[in-house]
Amino acid sequence: MVQLAHATKALAPRSDVVRNAAWVYAAVLTVMAVAQLFAFEDFVPMMANYSLPGGHGTAILFACLIVFTEVFAVPFLLRMPLSQLMRWVGLACSVLAPLMWVKLAVVGIVGGSTVVNSGLLGTKVTIHAGVLSLIVSIVLLALSMWTAWGLWPTKNR
């Protein structure tokens, strides 16, 4: 029997601090994804308020991609047994999720959009769009880069 994807254990993190930071980052992404999915029918129109090029279709795509990357980053961050391909996908998702939030924050600030709630925690919890959401997104991006460095999935780090 041919096994296409073989789950392997993750390599040890560079330090215990990186492991703990990855757990915190995974918890933050989980809370964000659950909050966004809790009222996803309101989350998509809120994304449309960012005035992304492409209109409502781009807002739907962006909302789905954000939730997708947040969910698929968690198994990598928790160092679950995964195939090598899924480990790399998780690594990419863990970095792409905050990058998309940084892009949305910059578009919201520069474009002068009418966004009141940034959507970081969905529509039920308001985090004001603008500089605050940009700062939170940059902190998440820094945390994601550090955990990606600390949990790099190959032996020759």
N, C-alpha and C. Protein backbone atom coordinates (compact mmCIF):
# COMPACT_ATOMS: atom_id res chain seq x y z
N MET A 1 0.84 -1.18 0.00
CA MET A 1 0.00 0.00 0.00
C MET A 1 0.88 1.24 0.00
N VAL A 2 0.60 2.15 -0.88
CA VAL A 2 1.37 3.37 -1.00
C VAL A 2 0.76 4.44 -0.10
N GLN A 3 1.61 5.04 0.70
CA GLN A 3 1.14 6.09 1.60
C GLN A 3 1.66 7.42 1.07
N LEU A 4 0.76 8.28 0.61
CA LEU A 4 1.17 9.53 -0.01
C LEU A 4 1.65 10.55 1.00
N ALA A 5 0.99 10.64 2.11
CA ALA A 5 1.37 11.62 3.12
C ALA A 5 1.62 10.90 4.43
N HIS A 6 2.83 11.03 4.91
CA HIS A 6 3.21 10.37 6.14
C HIS A 6 3.44 11.44 7.21
N ALA A 7 2.68 11.36 8.28
CA ALA A 7 2.82 12.34 9.35
C ALA A 7 4.08 12.04 10.15
N THR A 8 4.86 13.09 10.37
CA THR A 8 6.09 12.96 11.16
C THR A 8 6.02 13.94 12.32
N LYS A 9 6.78 13.62 13.35
CA LYS A 9 6.84 14.51 14.50
C LYS A 9 7.63 15.77 14.12
N ALA A 10 7.27 16.86 14.72
CA ALA A 10 7.97 18.12 14.47
C ALA A 10 9.31 18.11 15.17
N LEU A 11 10.25 18.84 14.61
CA LEU A 11 11.54 19.00 15.25
C LEU A 11 11.39 19.83 16.52
N ALA A 12 12.34 19.69 17.40
CA ALA A 12 12.31 20.47 18.64
C ALA A 12 12.48 21.94 18.31
N PRO A 13 11.78 22.81 19.02
CA PRO A 13 11.94 24.24 18.78
C PRO A 13 13.32 24.71 19.23
N ARG A 14 13.71 25.88 18.78
CA ARG A 14 15.03 26.41 19.14
C ARG A 14 15.17 26.63 20.64
N SER A 15 14.07 26.99 21.30
CA SER A 15 14.11 27.20 22.75
C SER A 15 12.70 27.04 23.31
N ASP A 16 12.63 26.96 24.63
CA ASP A 16 11.33 26.89 25.29
C ASP A 16 10.55 28.19 25.13
N VAL A 17 11.24 29.30 25.04
CA VAL A 17 10.57 30.59 24.86
C VAL A 17 9.87 30.64 23.51
N VAL A 18 10.53 30.11 22.47
CA VAL A 18 9.89 30.07 21.15
C VAL A 18 8.68 29.15 21.18
N ARG A 19 8.81 28.01 21.86
CA ARG A 19 7.67 27.08 21.96
C ARG A 19 6.49 27.76 22.64
N ASN A 20 6.74 28.46 23.74
CA ASN A 20 5.66 29.14 24.46
C ASN A 20 5.07 30.28 23.62
N ALA A 21 5.92 30.99 22.88
CA ALA A 21 5.42 32.06 22.01
C ALA A 21 4.55 31.48 20.90
N ALA A 22 4.92 30.31 20.38
CA ALA A 22 4.11 29.66 19.35
C ALA A 22 2.76 29.25 19.92
N TRP A 23 2.73 28.78 21.16
CA TRP A 23 1.46 28.43 21.78
C TRP A 23 0.58 29.67 21.95
N VAL A 24 1.17 30.77 22.38
CA VAL A 24 0.41 32.01 22.55
C VAL A 24 -0.12 32.48 21.20
N TYR A 25 0.73 32.43 20.18
CA TYR A 25 0.32 32.85 18.84
C TYR A 25 -0.78 31.95 18.30
N ALA A 26 -0.69 30.65 18.56
CA ALA A 26 -1.74 29.72 18.13
C ALA A 26 -3.06 30.04 18.85
N ALA A 27 -2.98 30.37 20.13
CA ALA A 27 -4.19 30.73 20.88
C ALA A 27 -4.81 32.01 20.32
N VAL A 28 -3.99 32.99 19.99
CA VAL A 28 -4.49 34.25 19.43
C VAL A 28 -5.17 33.98 18.08
N LEU A 29 -4.52 33.19 17.22
CA LEU A 29 -5.11 32.88 15.92
C LEU A 29 -6.42 32.10 16.06
N THR A 30 -6.48 31.20 17.03
CA THR A 30 -7.70 30.43 17.26
C THR A 30 -8.84 31.34 17.71
N VAL A 31 -8.56 32.24 18.62
CA VAL A 31 -9.59 33.18 19.09
C VAL A 31 -10.04 34.07 17.94
N MET A 32 -9.10 34.53 17.13
CA MET A 32 -9.47 35.38 15.99
C MET A 32 -10.34 34.62 15.00
N ALA A 33 -9.96 33.39 14.67
CA ALA A 33 -10.72 32.60 13.69
C ALA A 33 -12.13 32.28 14.21
N VAL A 34 -12.22 31.90 15.47
CA VAL A 34 -13.54 31.58 16.04
C VAL A 34 -14.42 32.83 16.07
N ALA A 35 -13.84 33.96 16.46
CA ALA A 35 -14.63 35.20 16.50
C ALA A 35 -15.08 35.62 15.10
N GLN A 36 -14.22 35.41 14.10
CA GLN A 36 -14.61 35.77 12.74
C GLN A 36 -15.65 34.82 12.18
N LEU A 37 -15.53 33.55 12.50
CA LEU A 37 -16.51 32.57 12.00
C LEU A 37 -17.83 32.63 12.75
N PHE A 38 -17.82 33.19 13.96
CA PHE A 38 -19.03 33.26 14.76
C PHE A 38 -20.13 34.03 14.03
N ALA A 39 -19.75 35.10 13.36
CA ALA A 39 -20.71 35.88 12.58
C ALA A 39 -20.12 36.15 11.20
N PHE A 40 -19.82 35.08 10.48
CA PHE A 40 -19.18 35.23 9.17
C PHE A 40 -20.07 35.96 8.18
N GLU A 41 -21.39 35.85 8.35
CA GLU A 41 -22.30 36.55 7.43
C GLU A 41 -22.18 38.06 7.58
N ASP A 42 -21.73 38.55 8.72
CA ASP A 42 -21.48 39.98 8.91
C ASP A 42 -20.03 40.34 8.62
N PHE A 43 -19.15 39.35 8.69
CA PHE A 43 -17.71 39.58 8.48
C PHE A 43 -17.41 39.94 7.03
N VAL A 44 -18.09 39.29 6.10
CA VAL A 44 -17.85 39.54 4.67
C VAL A 44 -18.25 40.97 4.29
N PRO A 45 -19.44 41.46 4.65
CA PRO A 45 -19.76 42.86 4.32
C PRO A 45 -18.82 43.86 4.99
N MET A 46 -18.32 43.51 6.18
CA MET A 46 -17.36 44.39 6.83
C MET A 46 -16.06 44.47 6.03
N MET A 47 -15.65 43.35 5.42
CA MET A 47 -14.47 43.35 4.55
C MET A 47 -14.73 44.21 3.31
N ALA A 48 -15.97 44.24 2.85
CA ALA A 48 -16.29 45.05 1.68
C ALA A 48 -16.15 46.55 1.98
N ASN A 49 -16.24 46.94 3.25
CA ASN A 49 -16.06 48.34 3.63
C ASN A 49 -14.64 48.83 3.41
N TYR A 50 -13.67 47.92 3.28
CA TYR A 50 -12.29 48.32 3.04
C TYR A 50 -12.07 48.82 1.62
N SER A 51 -13.07 48.74 0.77
CA SER A 51 -13.00 49.20 -0.62
C SER A 51 -11.84 48.54 -1.36
N LEU A 52 -11.78 47.22 -1.25
CA LEU A 52 -10.74 46.48 -1.96
C LEU A 52 -11.04 46.47 -3.45
N PRO A 53 -10.01 46.45 -4.30
CA PRO A 53 -10.27 46.39 -5.74
C PRO A 53 -10.96 45.07 -6.07
N GLY A 54 -11.99 45.12 -6.85
CA GLY A 54 -12.75 43.92 -7.20
C GLY A 54 -14.09 43.85 -6.52
N GLY A 55 -14.32 44.74 -5.56
CA GLY A 55 -15.63 44.83 -4.93
C GLY A 55 -15.96 43.69 -3.99
N HIS A 56 -17.21 43.26 -4.05
CA HIS A 56 -17.74 42.26 -3.11
C HIS A 56 -17.07 40.90 -3.31
N GLY A 57 -16.75 40.55 -4.54
CA GLY A 57 -16.09 39.26 -4.79
C GLY A 57 -14.73 39.17 -4.12
N THR A 58 -13.97 40.26 -4.18
CA THR A 58 -12.66 40.29 -3.51
C THR A 58 -12.83 40.26 -2.01
N ALA A 59 -13.85 40.91 -1.49
CA ALA A 59 -14.10 40.89 -0.05
C ALA A 59 -14.41 39.47 0.43
N ILE A 60 -15.20 38.72 -0.34
CA ILE A 60 -15.50 37.33 0.02
C ILE A 60 -14.23 36.51 -0.01
N LEU A 61 -13.43 36.65 -1.07
CA LEU A 61 -12.18 35.91 -1.19
C LEU A 61 -11.22 36.24 -0.05
N PHE A 62 -11.07 37.52 0.26
CA PHE A 62 -10.16 37.95 1.31
C PHE A 62 -10.62 37.43 2.68
N ALA A 63 -11.92 37.51 2.94
CA ALA A 63 -12.45 37.02 4.23
C ALA A 63 -12.21 35.52 4.38
N CYS A 64 -12.44 34.77 3.31
CA CYS A 64 -12.21 33.32 3.36
C CYS A 64 -10.73 32.99 3.52
N LEU A 65 -9.87 33.71 2.81
CA LEU A 65 -8.43 33.46 2.91
C LEU A 65 -7.89 33.78 4.29
N ILE A 66 -8.39 34.83 4.90
CA ILE A 66 -7.93 35.19 6.24
C ILE A 66 -8.27 34.08 7.23
N VAL A 67 -9.50 33.64 7.22
CA VAL A 67 -9.91 32.57 8.15
C VAL A 67 -9.16 31.27 7.83
N PHE A 68 -9.02 30.96 6.55
CA PHE A 68 -8.29 29.76 6.13
C PHE A 68 -6.86 29.76 6.67
N THR A 69 -6.15 30.87 6.49
CA THR A 69 -4.76 30.92 6.95
C THR A 69 -4.66 30.86 8.47
N GLU A 70 -5.59 31.47 9.15
CA GLU A 70 -5.56 31.41 10.62
C GLU A 70 -5.78 29.99 11.12
N VAL A 71 -6.70 29.27 10.50
CA VAL A 71 -7.00 27.90 10.93
C VAL A 71 -5.86 26.95 10.58
N PHE A 72 -5.32 27.06 9.38
CA PHE A 72 -4.29 26.12 8.94
C PHE A 72 -2.92 26.41 9.53
N ALA A 73 -2.73 27.53 10.18
CA ALA A 73 -1.47 27.82 10.85
C ALA A 73 -1.37 27.12 12.21
N VAL A 74 -2.50 26.86 12.82
CA VAL A 74 -2.51 26.34 14.19
C VAL A 74 -1.82 24.97 14.34
N PRO A 75 -2.06 23.97 13.47
CA PRO A 75 -1.36 22.69 13.65
C PRO A 75 0.16 22.81 13.58
N PHE A 76 0.65 23.70 12.72
CA PHE A 76 2.10 23.93 12.64
C PHE A 76 2.61 24.54 13.94
N LEU A 77 1.90 25.54 14.45
CA LEU A 77 2.34 26.24 15.66
C LEU A 77 2.30 25.35 16.89
N LEU A 78 1.37 24.40 16.92
CA LEU A 78 1.29 23.47 18.06
C LEU A 78 2.21 22.27 17.90
N ARG A 79 2.95 22.23 16.78
CA ARG A 79 3.91 21.16 16.49
C ARG A 79 3.24 19.79 16.49
N MET A 80 2.08 19.70 15.88
CA MET A 80 1.36 18.43 15.76
C MET A 80 2.06 17.56 14.72
N PRO A 81 1.89 16.25 14.78
CA PRO A 81 2.43 15.39 13.72
C PRO A 81 1.75 15.68 12.39
N LEU A 82 2.53 16.12 11.42
CA LEU A 82 2.02 16.51 10.10
C LEU A 82 2.95 15.98 9.02
N SER A 83 2.44 15.93 7.80
CA SER A 83 3.31 15.63 6.68
C SER A 83 4.20 16.85 6.43
N GLN A 84 5.29 16.63 5.71
CA GLN A 84 6.20 17.74 5.44
C GLN A 84 5.51 18.85 4.66
N LEU A 85 4.69 18.47 3.68
CA LEU A 85 3.99 19.49 2.90
C LEU A 85 3.05 20.31 3.78
N MET A 86 2.30 19.64 4.65
CA MET A 86 1.38 20.36 5.52
C MET A 86 2.13 21.23 6.53
N ARG A 87 3.31 20.79 6.93
CA ARG A 87 4.12 21.60 7.84
C ARG A 87 4.54 22.90 7.15
N TRP A 88 4.95 22.82 5.88
CA TRP A 88 5.33 24.02 5.14
C TRP A 88 4.11 24.91 4.86
N VAL A 89 2.97 24.30 4.58
CA VAL A 89 1.74 25.08 4.37
C VAL A 89 1.37 25.81 5.66
N GLY A 90 1.49 25.13 6.79
CA GLY A 90 1.21 25.77 8.07
C GLY A 90 2.16 26.92 8.36
N LEU A 91 3.44 26.73 8.03
CA LEU A 91 4.42 27.80 8.21
C LEU A 91 4.04 29.01 7.36
N ALA A 92 3.70 28.76 6.09
CA ALA A 92 3.31 29.86 5.20
C ALA A 92 2.04 30.55 5.70
N CYS A 93 1.08 29.77 6.15
CA CYS A 93 -0.17 30.36 6.67
C CYS A 93 0.07 31.18 7.92
N SER A 94 1.00 30.73 8.77
CA SER A 94 1.26 31.48 10.01
C SER A 94 1.86 32.84 9.73
N VAL A 95 2.55 32.99 8.60
CA VAL A 95 3.12 34.28 8.24
C VAL A 95 2.14 35.09 7.39
N LEU A 96 1.37 34.42 6.53
CA LEU A 96 0.44 35.13 5.65
C LEU A 96 -0.73 35.77 6.39
N ALA A 97 -1.20 35.14 7.46
CA ALA A 97 -2.36 35.69 8.18
C ALA A 97 -2.10 37.11 8.68
N PRO A 98 -1.02 37.37 9.41
CA PRO A 98 -0.82 38.76 9.84
C PRO A 98 -0.43 39.69 8.69
N LEU A 99 0.19 39.14 7.64
CA LEU A 99 0.51 39.98 6.47
C LEU A 99 -0.77 40.51 5.83
N MET A 100 -1.81 39.67 5.76
CA MET A 100 -3.08 40.13 5.19
C MET A 100 -3.71 41.20 6.07
N TRP A 101 -3.58 41.04 7.40
CA TRP A 101 -4.14 42.06 8.30
C TRP A 101 -3.38 43.37 8.19
N VAL A 102 -2.05 43.30 8.00
CA VAL A 102 -1.27 44.52 7.79
C VAL A 102 -1.72 45.21 6.51
N LYS A 103 -1.92 44.42 5.45
CA LYS A 103 -2.39 44.98 4.18
C LYS A 103 -3.74 45.67 4.35
N LEU A 104 -4.66 45.00 5.05
CA LEU A 104 -5.98 45.61 5.26
C LEU A 104 -5.87 46.89 6.09
N ALA A 105 -5.02 46.90 7.10
CA ALA A 105 -4.87 48.10 7.93
C ALA A 105 -4.30 49.25 7.12
N VAL A 106 -3.30 48.95 6.28
CA VAL A 106 -2.71 50.00 5.45
C VAL A 106 -3.73 50.51 4.43
N VAL A 107 -4.48 49.59 3.81
CA VAL A 107 -5.52 50.00 2.86
C VAL A 107 -6.57 50.85 3.56
N GLY A 108 -6.93 50.48 4.79
CA GLY A 108 -7.91 51.26 5.53
C GLY A 108 -7.42 52.65 5.89
N ILE A 109 -6.13 52.78 6.20
CA ILE A 109 -5.58 54.09 6.57
C ILE A 109 -5.35 54.96 5.33
N VAL A 110 -4.71 54.38 4.34
CA VAL A 110 -4.35 55.16 3.15
C VAL A 110 -5.56 55.45 2.27
N GLY A 111 -6.42 54.45 2.12
CA GLY A 111 -7.56 54.61 1.23
C GLY A 111 -8.67 55.46 1.78
N GLY A 112 -8.62 55.79 3.05
CA GLY A 112 -9.67 56.60 3.64
C GLY A 112 -11.02 55.90 3.63
N SER A 113 -11.01 54.59 3.86
CA SER A 113 -12.26 53.83 3.83
C SER A 113 -13.10 54.15 5.06
N THR A 114 -14.34 53.70 5.02
CA THR A 114 -15.29 54.00 6.09
C THR A 114 -15.37 52.88 7.12
N VAL A 115 -14.27 52.18 7.33
CA VAL A 115 -14.25 51.05 8.25
C VAL A 115 -14.16 51.57 9.68
N VAL A 116 -15.07 51.10 10.53
CA VAL A 116 -15.04 51.46 11.94
C VAL A 116 -14.41 50.32 12.73
N ASN A 117 -14.86 49.10 12.48
CA ASN A 117 -14.33 47.91 13.14
C ASN A 117 -13.36 47.23 12.18
N SER A 118 -12.14 46.98 12.64
CA SER A 118 -11.13 46.40 11.75
C SER A 118 -11.43 44.95 11.39
N GLY A 119 -12.13 44.23 12.26
CA GLY A 119 -12.47 42.85 11.98
C GLY A 119 -11.49 41.84 12.53
N LEU A 120 -10.48 42.29 13.26
CA LEU A 120 -9.51 41.35 13.83
C LEU A 120 -10.19 40.30 14.70
N LEU A 121 -11.19 40.70 15.43
CA LEU A 121 -11.96 39.77 16.26
C LEU A 121 -13.40 39.67 15.77
N GLY A 122 -13.57 39.71 14.47
CA GLY A 122 -14.89 39.58 13.89
C GLY A 122 -15.72 40.83 14.08
N THR A 123 -17.02 40.66 14.02
CA THR A 123 -17.92 41.81 14.12
C THR A 123 -18.47 42.00 15.53
N LYS A 124 -18.34 41.00 16.38
CA LYS A 124 -18.92 41.09 17.72
C LYS A 124 -18.04 41.91 18.67
N VAL A 125 -16.71 41.84 18.49
CA VAL A 125 -15.77 42.59 19.32
C VAL A 125 -15.12 43.66 18.45
N THR A 126 -15.26 44.90 18.84
CA THR A 126 -14.76 46.01 18.01
C THR A 126 -13.33 46.34 18.37
N ILE A 127 -12.47 46.26 17.36
CA ILE A 127 -11.12 46.81 17.43
C ILE A 127 -11.08 47.87 16.34
N HIS A 128 -10.92 49.12 16.75
CA HIS A 128 -11.05 50.23 15.82
C HIS A 128 -10.02 50.14 14.70
N ALA A 129 -10.48 50.40 13.50
CA ALA A 129 -9.60 50.40 12.33
C ALA A 129 -8.71 51.63 12.39
N GLY A 130 -7.58 51.53 11.75
CA GLY A 130 -6.65 52.65 11.72
C GLY A 130 -5.33 52.26 12.32
N VAL A 131 -4.75 53.17 13.05
CA VAL A 131 -3.41 52.96 13.59
C VAL A 131 -3.39 51.81 14.61
N LEU A 132 -4.44 51.69 15.41
CA LEU A 132 -4.48 50.61 16.41
C LEU A 132 -4.45 49.24 15.74
N SER A 133 -5.25 49.06 14.71
CA SER A 133 -5.25 47.76 14.04
C SER A 133 -3.93 47.53 13.31
N LEU A 134 -3.29 48.58 12.81
CA LEU A 134 -1.99 48.43 12.17
C LEU A 134 -0.94 48.00 13.18
N ILE A 135 -0.95 48.59 14.37
CA ILE A 135 0.02 48.21 15.40
C ILE A 135 -0.19 46.77 15.84
N VAL A 136 -1.44 46.37 16.05
CA VAL A 136 -1.73 44.99 16.44
C VAL A 136 -1.29 44.02 15.34
N SER A 137 -1.53 44.37 14.10
CA SER A 137 -1.14 43.52 12.97
C SER A 137 0.37 43.40 12.86
N ILE A 138 1.09 44.49 13.09
CA ILE A 138 2.56 44.45 13.02
C ILE A 138 3.12 43.62 14.16
N VAL A 139 2.53 43.72 15.34
CA VAL A 139 2.98 42.88 16.47
C VAL A 139 2.73 41.41 16.15
N LEU A 140 1.58 41.10 15.57
CA LEU A 140 1.30 39.71 15.18
C LEU A 140 2.27 39.25 14.09
N LEU A 141 2.62 40.12 13.17
CA LEU A 141 3.58 39.77 12.12
C LEU A 141 4.95 39.49 12.71
N ALA A 142 5.40 40.31 13.66
CA ALA A 142 6.68 40.08 14.31
C ALA A 142 6.67 38.76 15.07
N LEU A 143 5.58 38.48 15.76
CA LEU A 143 5.46 37.22 16.49
C LEU A 143 5.46 36.03 15.53
N SER A 144 4.81 36.19 14.39
CA SER A 144 4.78 35.09 13.42
C SER A 144 6.15 34.85 12.81
N MET A 145 6.90 35.90 12.52
CA MET A 145 8.23 35.73 11.96
C MET A 145 9.17 35.06 12.96
N TRP A 146 9.04 35.45 14.21
CA TRP A 146 9.90 34.87 15.24
C TRP A 146 9.58 33.39 15.45
N THR A 147 8.29 33.05 15.50
CA THR A 147 7.93 31.65 15.68
C THR A 147 8.27 30.82 14.44
N ALA A 148 8.17 31.41 13.25
CA ALA A 148 8.57 30.70 12.03
C ALA A 148 10.06 30.40 12.07
N TRP A 149 10.86 31.34 12.52
CA TRP A 149 12.29 31.13 12.66
C TRP A 149 12.58 30.05 13.71
N GLY A 150 11.87 30.10 14.81
CA GLY A 150 12.13 29.16 15.90
C GLY A 150 11.61 27.76 15.67
N LEU A 151 10.61 27.61 14.80
CA LEU A 151 10.02 26.30 14.52
C LEU A 151 10.32 25.83 13.11
N TRP A 152 11.37 26.36 12.49
CA TRP A 152 11.69 26.02 11.09
C TRP A 152 11.68 24.51 10.90
N PRO A 153 10.98 24.00 9.87
CA PRO A 153 10.73 22.56 9.78
C PRO A 153 11.85 21.70 9.18
N THR A 154 13.03 22.24 8.97
CA THR A 154 14.13 21.39 8.46
C THR A 154 15.25 21.31 9.46
N LYS A 155 16.07 20.31 9.34
CA LYS A 155 17.14 20.08 10.32
C LYS A 155 18.25 21.10 10.24
N ASN A 156 18.63 21.51 9.04
CA ASN A 156 19.73 22.47 8.91
C ASN A 156 19.19 23.89 9.00
N ARG A 157 19.00 24.34 10.22
CA ARG A 157 18.46 25.69 10.48
C ARG A 157 19.60 26.67 10.38
